Every structure is written in C-alpha cells, then in structure tokens.
Amino acid sequence: MRTATIKRKTKETDIQVSVNLDGTGVSDVATGVGFFDHMLDLLARHSRIDITVKAVGDLHVDFHHTTEDVGIALGQAVKQALGDMKGITRYAGLHMPMDETLTRVVIDISGRPVLVFRTEFSRDKIGEFDTELVREWFQAFAMNAGITLHVETLYGENNHHIAESCFKGLARALRAAVAIDPKTANEVPSTKGQLGG
C-alpha cells in the first residue's frame, strides 16, 4: 500500500495528515476553515486518494498559516507515499470545467518542484477565505510533493467556481499521474533511471 502519515507542529499550527494513494477518495478533514475543508474534500473525492487532515491553527490571526502548513504536510505525505515512484504514469493533464469556468491543470511527478499558477480572482474573499490563499496552498503542496504543476484558469467569473476548478483539476491530474501503469510496473518513468534530480 502506498500510504504515509505526516505530523507537523509549529508555534502556529499542529497538523496531522494521512494519505492512501490507492484509496477510494474517502476524506476526513477538519481544519476549522469551512471553504478550505470543502476544497480538500473534493480533492480526495476526485483524486480517489484517501485523505485525512486534522489541523489546529492560529485562526484568530488569519487562515494563512493553517492553509500553507496543510499544503506542506499534504505534499510531504504524497511524496513519501510515492516511494521510489516505480510504475507511476508520471504525467497527466486535463481541462476542468466548472460551470462557466475552465481551468487547465498539467502535472509531472518529476521530483523537481515548480509551480506555474495563472489564475486570478475578482474578489479578495470567498466567504471568509482569502482568495490569495489558493495560490499559497498550491505553492506549498507542489514544492513539498516534488512535482511540476501548471494551473491556468482560461476563463471564469464566479470565484468559488474558479477555486473549485483548480482543486478538482489537480485531483483528476493526480489520479492519473500516480496511477500504476501495468506495462511499466517495475520501471521508474525516466531515462535517468530515477526521479528527483
């Protein structure tokens, strides 16, 4: 089983994250931030990665530390669960519609973290959640998962739909990229013979 658990405790947050890359999309998420929980729930559902997140953060300050640190821990858990990466499909890309919004997400589980995030919001908040934290989460996740990730919203109007299309797009791309290709189950998908440098 490709599973991992990460615990991260700082003066700002106390977080435990578990993942099962070969799960069914079950989520058990509690961060204290309603909109963020919703995004993580749909990340689990559409990636079919079982995700557990228990986070206690300094929400009296704002949601930044909790959002970023969950991204760090979840990225580390995915990277650990991938192990030697033998047999993974590695690459995936798709266009994710969400009503009037369309977002393109492309991923390479390369071991070389890069984020290109070309998504804009017309409002500062979705409910109480700062829209700038969407990028912060993606940055933290990509850097700690060791993936190359391109996210670009081609068009959209509703800010909730824009954020949701980004998370759903990542979910579906992850689902495809972490899948084991039976034709290459014992091979690392790289001419170098390794991923990560």
Protein backbone atom coordinates (compact mmCIF):
# COMPACT_ATOMS: atom_id res chain seq x y z
CA MET A 1 0.00 0.00 0.00
CA ARG A 2 1.25 3.46 -0.91
CA THR A 3 0.45 5.28 2.31
CA ALA A 4 2.04 7.93 4.51
CA THR A 5 1.36 9.95 7.63
CA ILE A 6 2.99 13.30 8.33
CA LYS A 7 2.89 15.22 11.59
CA ARG A 8 3.86 18.88 11.61
CA LYS A 9 3.83 21.03 14.73
CA THR A 10 4.97 24.64 14.95
CA LYS A 11 4.10 27.59 17.15
CA GLU A 12 1.39 28.43 14.60
CA THR A 13 -0.14 25.05 13.70
CA ASP A 14 -0.48 21.45 14.82
CA ILE A 15 -1.24 19.21 11.85
CA GLN A 16 -1.53 15.51 11.10
CA VAL A 17 -2.11 14.34 7.52
CA SER A 18 -2.51 10.80 6.19
CA VAL A 19 -2.88 9.66 2.59
CA ASN A 20 -3.53 6.40 0.77
CA LEU A 21 -2.76 6.82 -2.93
CA ASP A 22 -4.61 3.58 -3.70
CA GLY A 23 -7.77 4.52 -1.84
CA THR A 24 -11.31 5.27 -2.93
CA GLY A 25 -11.48 9.01 -2.26
CA VAL A 26 -12.55 8.91 1.37
CA SER A 27 -11.89 12.15 3.24
CA ASP A 28 -11.84 13.03 6.91
CA VAL A 29 -10.89 16.69 7.01
CA ALA A 30 -11.09 19.23 9.83
CA THR A 31 -9.07 22.44 9.57
CA GLY A 32 -11.51 24.88 11.14
CA VAL A 33 -11.82 26.66 7.78
CA GLY A 34 -15.07 25.68 6.06
CA PHE A 35 -14.25 26.59 2.47
CA PHE A 36 -10.79 25.00 2.72
CA ASP A 37 -12.31 21.79 4.11
CA HIS A 38 -14.64 21.76 1.10
CA MET A 39 -11.68 22.04 -1.30
CA LEU A 40 -9.78 19.23 0.45
CA ASP A 41 -12.88 17.01 0.47
CA LEU A 42 -13.29 17.34 -3.27
CA LEU A 43 -9.53 16.86 -3.77
CA ALA A 44 -9.87 13.47 -2.08
CA ARG A 45 -13.08 12.52 -3.86
CA HIS A 46 -11.92 13.29 -7.38
CA SER A 47 -8.34 12.01 -6.97
CA ARG A 48 -9.55 8.81 -5.27
CA ILE A 49 -6.77 9.37 -2.75
CA ASP A 50 -7.93 8.78 0.82
CA ILE A 51 -7.04 11.92 2.76
CA THR A 52 -7.20 12.62 6.47
CA VAL A 53 -6.35 16.10 7.72
CA LYS A 54 -6.56 17.21 11.34
CA ALA A 55 -5.33 20.76 11.77
CA VAL A 56 -5.38 23.19 14.67
CA GLY A 57 -4.04 26.59 13.75
CA ASP A 58 -3.92 30.21 14.81
CA LEU A 59 -7.18 31.06 13.07
CA HIS A 60 -7.57 34.08 15.35
CA VAL A 61 -4.71 35.62 13.33
CA ASP A 62 -5.95 34.55 9.89
CA PHE A 63 -6.16 31.40 7.74
CA HIS A 64 -2.73 31.75 6.14
CA HIS A 65 -0.62 29.54 8.42
CA THR A 66 -3.19 26.74 8.52
CA THR A 67 -3.69 26.73 4.74
CA GLU A 68 0.01 26.83 3.92
CA ASP A 69 1.05 24.26 6.54
CA VAL A 70 -1.63 21.80 5.42
CA GLY A 71 -0.24 22.21 1.89
CA ILE A 72 3.25 21.47 3.17
CA ALA A 73 2.19 18.38 5.13
CA LEU A 74 -0.07 17.02 2.40
CA GLY A 75 2.66 17.49 -0.19
CA GLN A 76 5.17 15.67 2.02
CA ALA A 77 2.70 12.82 2.58
CA VAL A 78 2.10 12.36 -1.16
CA LYS A 79 5.84 12.39 -1.85
CA GLN A 80 6.52 9.82 0.89
CA ALA A 81 3.66 7.60 -0.26
CA LEU A 82 5.03 7.61 -3.83
CA GLY A 83 8.20 5.91 -2.60
CA ASP A 84 10.61 5.07 -5.43
CA MET A 85 7.93 6.04 -7.99
CA LYS A 86 8.31 2.80 -9.93
CA GLY A 87 5.48 2.21 -12.35
CA ILE A 88 3.73 5.56 -11.98
CA THR A 89 2.18 7.15 -15.05
CA ARG A 90 4.02 10.36 -14.04
CA TYR A 91 2.41 12.83 -16.46
CA ALA A 92 -1.19 13.98 -16.69
CA GLY A 93 -3.10 16.98 -17.93
CA LEU A 94 -6.68 17.99 -18.45
CA HIS A 95 -9.15 20.82 -18.79
CA MET A 96 -11.52 21.05 -15.82
CA PRO A 97 -14.87 22.78 -16.37
CA MET A 98 -16.90 24.18 -13.50
CA ASP A 99 -20.00 25.79 -14.94
CA GLU A 100 -18.77 28.97 -16.72
CA THR A 101 -15.15 28.41 -15.65
CA LEU A 102 -12.46 26.39 -17.43
CA THR A 103 -9.08 25.60 -15.88
CA ARG A 104 -6.17 23.68 -17.37
CA VAL A 105 -4.04 21.59 -14.99
CA VAL A 106 -0.91 19.74 -16.08
CA ILE A 107 1.32 17.72 -13.76
CA ASP A 108 4.67 15.98 -13.92
CA ILE A 109 5.70 13.94 -10.89
CA SER A 110 9.27 14.85 -11.64
CA GLY A 111 10.89 15.25 -8.25
CA ARG A 112 11.69 18.81 -9.38
CA PRO A 113 9.19 21.17 -7.80
CA VAL A 114 7.87 24.03 -9.91
CA LEU A 115 4.55 25.85 -9.77
CA VAL A 116 3.17 27.98 -12.58
CA PHE A 117 -0.12 29.42 -11.33
CA ARG A 118 -2.02 31.66 -13.71
CA THR A 119 -5.35 32.14 -12.02
CA GLU A 120 -6.90 35.43 -10.98
CA PHE A 121 -9.77 36.22 -8.68
CA SER A 122 -12.02 39.26 -8.87
CA ARG A 123 -12.72 39.31 -5.13
CA ASP A 124 -10.46 39.19 -2.07
CA LYS A 125 -12.55 36.56 -0.30
CA ILE A 126 -14.77 33.56 -0.88
CA GLY A 127 -16.88 33.67 2.24
CA GLU A 128 -14.23 34.23 4.92
CA PHE A 129 -11.44 32.55 2.93
CA ASP A 130 -8.83 34.82 1.33
CA THR A 131 -8.61 34.03 -2.38
CA GLU A 132 -4.84 34.68 -2.37
CA LEU A 133 -4.50 31.58 -0.19
CA VAL A 134 -5.48 29.35 -3.10
CA ARG A 135 -2.11 30.04 -4.72
CA GLU A 136 -0.34 29.74 -1.34
CA TRP A 137 -1.75 26.25 -0.88
CA PHE A 138 -0.79 25.14 -4.39
CA GLN A 139 2.72 26.52 -3.90
CA ALA A 140 3.20 24.70 -0.60
CA PHE A 141 1.78 21.46 -1.99
CA ALA A 142 3.82 21.45 -5.21
CA MET A 143 7.12 22.31 -3.51
CA ASN A 144 6.74 19.62 -0.87
CA ALA A 145 5.31 16.93 -3.14
CA GLY A 146 8.23 17.49 -5.52
CA ILE A 147 6.03 17.96 -8.56
CA THR A 148 5.97 20.23 -11.57
CA LEU A 149 2.49 21.74 -11.64
CA HIS A 150 0.91 24.15 -14.10
CA VAL A 151 -2.50 25.63 -13.25
CA GLU A 152 -4.12 28.15 -15.58
CA THR A 153 -7.69 29.35 -15.50
CA LEU A 154 -8.57 30.11 -19.11
CA TYR A 155 -11.78 31.93 -18.22
CA GLY A 156 -14.33 32.19 -15.46
CA GLU A 157 -16.43 34.64 -13.48
CA ASN A 158 -17.54 33.07 -10.21
CA ASN A 159 -14.68 32.99 -7.71
CA HIS A 160 -15.94 29.85 -5.97
CA HIS A 161 -16.07 28.08 -9.34
CA ILE A 162 -12.57 29.26 -10.22
CA ALA A 163 -11.07 27.91 -6.98
CA GLU A 164 -13.03 24.68 -7.25
CA SER A 165 -11.91 24.08 -10.83
CA CYS A 166 -8.28 24.42 -9.70
CA PHE A 167 -8.64 21.86 -6.91
CA LYS A 168 -10.74 19.46 -8.98
CA GLY A 169 -8.29 19.77 -11.87
CA LEU A 170 -5.40 18.91 -9.57
CA ALA A 171 -7.37 15.99 -8.18
CA ARG A 172 -8.03 14.44 -11.56
CA ALA A 173 -4.46 15.07 -12.74
CA LEU A 174 -3.07 13.45 -9.59
CA ARG A 175 -5.40 10.49 -10.02
CA ALA A 176 -3.96 9.82 -13.46
CA ALA A 177 -0.32 10.65 -12.69
CA VAL A 178 0.04 8.49 -9.55
CA ALA A 179 -1.69 5.51 -11.16
CA ILE A 180 0.46 2.47 -11.79
CA ASP A 181 0.93 1.62 -15.46
CA PRO A 182 0.92 -2.20 -15.57
CA LYS A 183 3.18 -2.16 -18.64
CA THR A 184 5.95 -0.43 -16.68
CA ALA A 185 5.18 -1.52 -13.13
CA ASN A 186 8.83 -2.14 -12.23
CA GLU A 187 10.34 0.81 -14.05
CA VAL A 188 10.99 4.37 -12.98
CA PRO A 189 9.50 6.54 -15.75
CA SER A 190 12.67 8.43 -16.57
CA THR A 191 15.61 7.92 -18.94
CA LYS A 192 17.81 8.77 -15.95
CA GLY A 193 16.57 5.75 -14.07
CA GLN A 194 15.44 7.96 -11.20
CA LEU A 195 13.19 10.90 -10.48
CA GLY A 196 14.13 13.86 -8.38
CA GLY A 197 17.20 15.43 -9.87
